[in-house]
Structure formats: structure tokens, C-alpha cells
Protein backbone atom coordinates (compact mmCIF):
# COMPACT_ATOMS: atom_id res chain seq x y z
CA MET A 1 116.73 49.69 -4.65
CA ASP A 2 115.41 51.33 -7.82
CA VAL A 3 113.29 54.48 -7.71
CA GLU A 4 110.14 52.78 -9.04
CA THR A 5 110.21 50.15 -6.28
CA VAL A 6 110.88 52.73 -3.56
CA ARG A 7 108.06 54.92 -4.91
CA ALA A 8 105.64 51.97 -4.94
CA LYS A 9 106.51 51.18 -1.33
CA MET A 10 106.12 54.86 -0.40
CA LEU A 11 102.72 55.05 -2.11
CA ALA A 12 101.54 51.96 -0.22
CA GLN A 13 102.46 53.70 3.06
CA VAL A 14 100.70 56.91 2.00
CA GLU A 15 97.54 55.06 0.93
CA ALA A 16 97.42 53.21 4.26
CA ALA A 17 97.72 56.55 6.06
CA ARG A 18 95.05 58.18 3.87
CA ALA A 19 92.65 55.33 4.60
CA SER A 20 93.22 55.46 8.36
CA ALA A 21 90.87 56.85 10.96
CA LEU A 22 93.83 58.93 12.17
CA ALA A 23 93.99 60.81 8.87
CA ARG A 24 90.33 61.75 9.27
CA ALA A 25 90.67 62.62 12.97
CA PHE A 26 93.74 64.80 12.41
CA ALA A 27 92.56 66.18 9.00
CA TRP A 28 95.86 65.29 7.35
CA SER A 29 96.29 66.25 3.72
CA PHE A 30 98.97 64.66 1.57
CA ASP A 31 100.82 66.14 -1.42
CA ILE A 32 103.18 63.75 -3.22
CA ASP A 33 106.29 64.91 -5.09
CA VAL A 34 108.35 62.00 -6.50
CA LEU A 35 109.83 60.43 -3.31
CA SER A 36 108.61 63.07 -0.88
CA VAL A 37 105.25 63.54 0.79
CA TYR A 38 104.15 66.86 2.24
CA VAL A 39 101.70 66.49 5.11
CA SER A 40 99.77 69.41 6.58
CA LEU A 41 99.47 69.14 10.35
CA ILE A 42 96.64 71.21 11.80
CA PRO A 43 96.29 71.23 15.59
CA ARG A 44 92.79 70.04 16.48
CA ARG A 45 91.98 72.69 19.09
CA ARG A 46 93.74 75.53 17.34
CA PRO A 47 93.45 76.06 13.55
CA GLU A 48 96.64 78.11 13.40
CA PRO A 49 99.46 77.66 12.90
CA VAL A 50 99.37 74.94 10.26
CA TYR A 51 102.67 73.07 9.98
CA LEU A 52 104.02 71.39 6.85
CA LEU A 53 105.98 68.20 7.32
CA ARG A 54 108.17 66.92 4.46
CA VAL A 55 108.67 63.17 4.57
CA THR A 56 111.36 61.92 2.19
CA PHE A 57 111.30 58.23 1.35
CA ASP A 58 114.55 57.92 -0.62
CA ASP A 59 116.10 54.51 0.11
CA PHE A 60 112.93 53.22 1.83
CA PRO A 61 112.49 50.63 3.33
CA ARG A 62 116.22 50.07 3.86
CA ARG A 63 116.37 53.39 5.73
CA ALA A 64 113.69 55.24 7.67
CA PRO A 65 112.04 58.19 5.95
CA SER A 66 113.35 61.65 6.81
CA TYR A 67 110.79 63.87 8.59
CA ILE A 68 111.52 67.61 8.52
CA PHE A 69 109.24 70.61 9.01
CA VAL A 70 109.41 73.05 6.11
CA ASP A 71 108.01 76.46 5.25
CA ARG A 72 104.43 76.11 3.95
CA THR A 73 105.02 78.51 1.05
CA THR A 74 108.54 77.69 -0.15
CA LYS A 75 108.68 74.07 1.05
CA ARG A 76 112.23 74.78 2.24
CA GLU A 77 113.58 73.99 5.66
CA THR A 78 113.66 77.00 7.96
CA GLU A 79 113.96 77.21 11.69
CA ASN A 80 110.63 79.08 11.90
CA ALA A 81 108.79 76.18 10.21
CA TRP A 82 109.26 73.98 13.28
CA PRO A 83 106.75 73.82 16.14
CA PRO A 84 108.37 75.03 19.38
CA GLY A 85 110.20 72.30 21.24
CA VAL A 86 109.88 69.65 18.50
CA ARG A 87 113.19 70.29 16.69
CA HIS A 88 116.10 68.34 18.20
CA GLY A 89 119.79 68.34 17.50
CA GLY A 90 121.49 69.13 14.28
CA PRO A 91 122.86 69.14 11.83
CA PRO A 92 120.66 67.71 10.56
CA PRO A 93 117.81 68.74 12.84
CA GLY A 94 115.33 66.02 13.61
CA ILE A 95 112.26 64.87 15.46
CA CYS A 96 113.10 62.64 18.38
CA THR A 97 110.65 59.83 17.79
CA PRO A 98 111.13 56.32 16.44
CA GLY A 99 110.33 55.98 12.75
CA THR A 100 112.24 59.05 11.61
CA ARG A 101 115.60 58.76 9.87
CA GLU A 102 116.96 61.48 12.11
CA PHE A 103 116.03 59.47 15.22
CA HIS A 104 117.50 56.17 14.01
CA GLU A 105 120.61 57.48 12.24
CA HIS A 106 121.57 60.52 14.32
CA LEU A 107 119.77 61.05 17.61
CA HIS A 108 119.75 57.38 18.71
CA ARG A 109 122.36 55.91 16.41
CA GLY A 110 123.53 52.53 17.66
CA ASP A 111 120.74 52.21 20.24
CA SER A 112 119.79 48.53 19.92
CA GLN A 113 116.41 49.17 21.54
CA TYR A 114 115.37 51.24 18.51
CA GLN A 115 116.60 49.38 15.44
CA TRP A 116 114.90 50.63 12.27
CA ASP A 117 112.06 48.29 11.29
CA PRO A 118 109.63 49.46 8.58
CA ASP A 119 106.94 47.05 9.79
CA ARG A 120 107.14 48.34 13.36
CA TYR A 121 107.53 52.05 12.60
CA THR A 122 104.95 52.69 9.90
CA PHE A 123 104.34 56.02 8.22
CA VAL A 124 100.90 56.42 9.82
CA ALA A 125 102.15 55.55 13.33
CA THR A 126 105.08 57.96 13.01
CA LEU A 127 102.80 60.73 11.70
CA ALA A 128 100.42 60.22 14.62
CA GLU A 129 103.25 60.56 17.12
CA ILE A 130 104.63 63.68 15.40
CA HIS A 131 101.14 65.21 15.36
CA ARG A 132 100.79 64.47 19.08
CA LEU A 133 104.20 66.03 19.79
CA THR A 134 103.24 69.11 17.75
CA GLU A 135 99.96 69.62 19.58
CA ARG A 136 101.65 69.16 22.95
CA ALA A 137 104.39 71.63 22.00
CA ILE A 138 101.95 74.42 21.15
CA GLY A 139 99.54 73.63 23.97
CA ALA A 140 96.69 72.54 21.72
């Protein structure tokens, strides 16, 4: 699929997330860079640490987006950027929840119960689950 079409589909997902009650409840902020979206995850009961999640939509919707925690300053993947207990496997490391490329293509590859479906595993639903996992991991 061409980049313009993928970007349009990505932007539709981001706009749906921005308009959601979840975005307001979790205070998500979104920064778009071509086919990637950076989402700040702030635990509700604890203002620090703030985590930065990079969601890469290349080849969407044919493939699930890639969800990786990155350093807030450099926007590069580092082990310290991950909330404790959220990083699974590797390489590549991933978040073990449906809707992430790492889950569907690496951690649960071939698991017929979790076939990638962009209508079932939306950006906003996946973000909500990752936010929940992050808060649980840090005890917030």
C-alpha cells in the first residue's frame, strides 16, 4: 500500500483516539512524525515517570502497528525507557498484548486465536491496554 494511503489510515486511528474519553481520562498527548505516533503515557496516580510510546504504522492495516517504548529525549529505543515488567521477549522486544505487531508477529505468531484484525484491535483499544499494563507494572 502506498505511503499516502497508510498515513491517511493512521491519521484516522489517531483522530479516533484523540476524540475518545480514554484520551481525556489518561491525558494522552500525540506527536505525529510521518508514519509514527509518539504517545506520552502518564500514570494517573503518579505523575512520574512519564513514558513515551512510539507507534509505527508502516504497512498498516495489512500489519499491526509496532509499539515500542523509547527514550523521551532522544526518541530512541533503550532498555531504560520501558516500564518494569512490560517489555517481553526480543529481539525485537515487545508488549504482550493483542494489537501490537510484536504480539501478532513474534510473541504469538501462528496463534489462530489472535489473528491480526485492524477492526478488532484498534489503536485506541491497544493504547488503553498498554496504559493499564504500564500503571499496573509501576504500582500506580
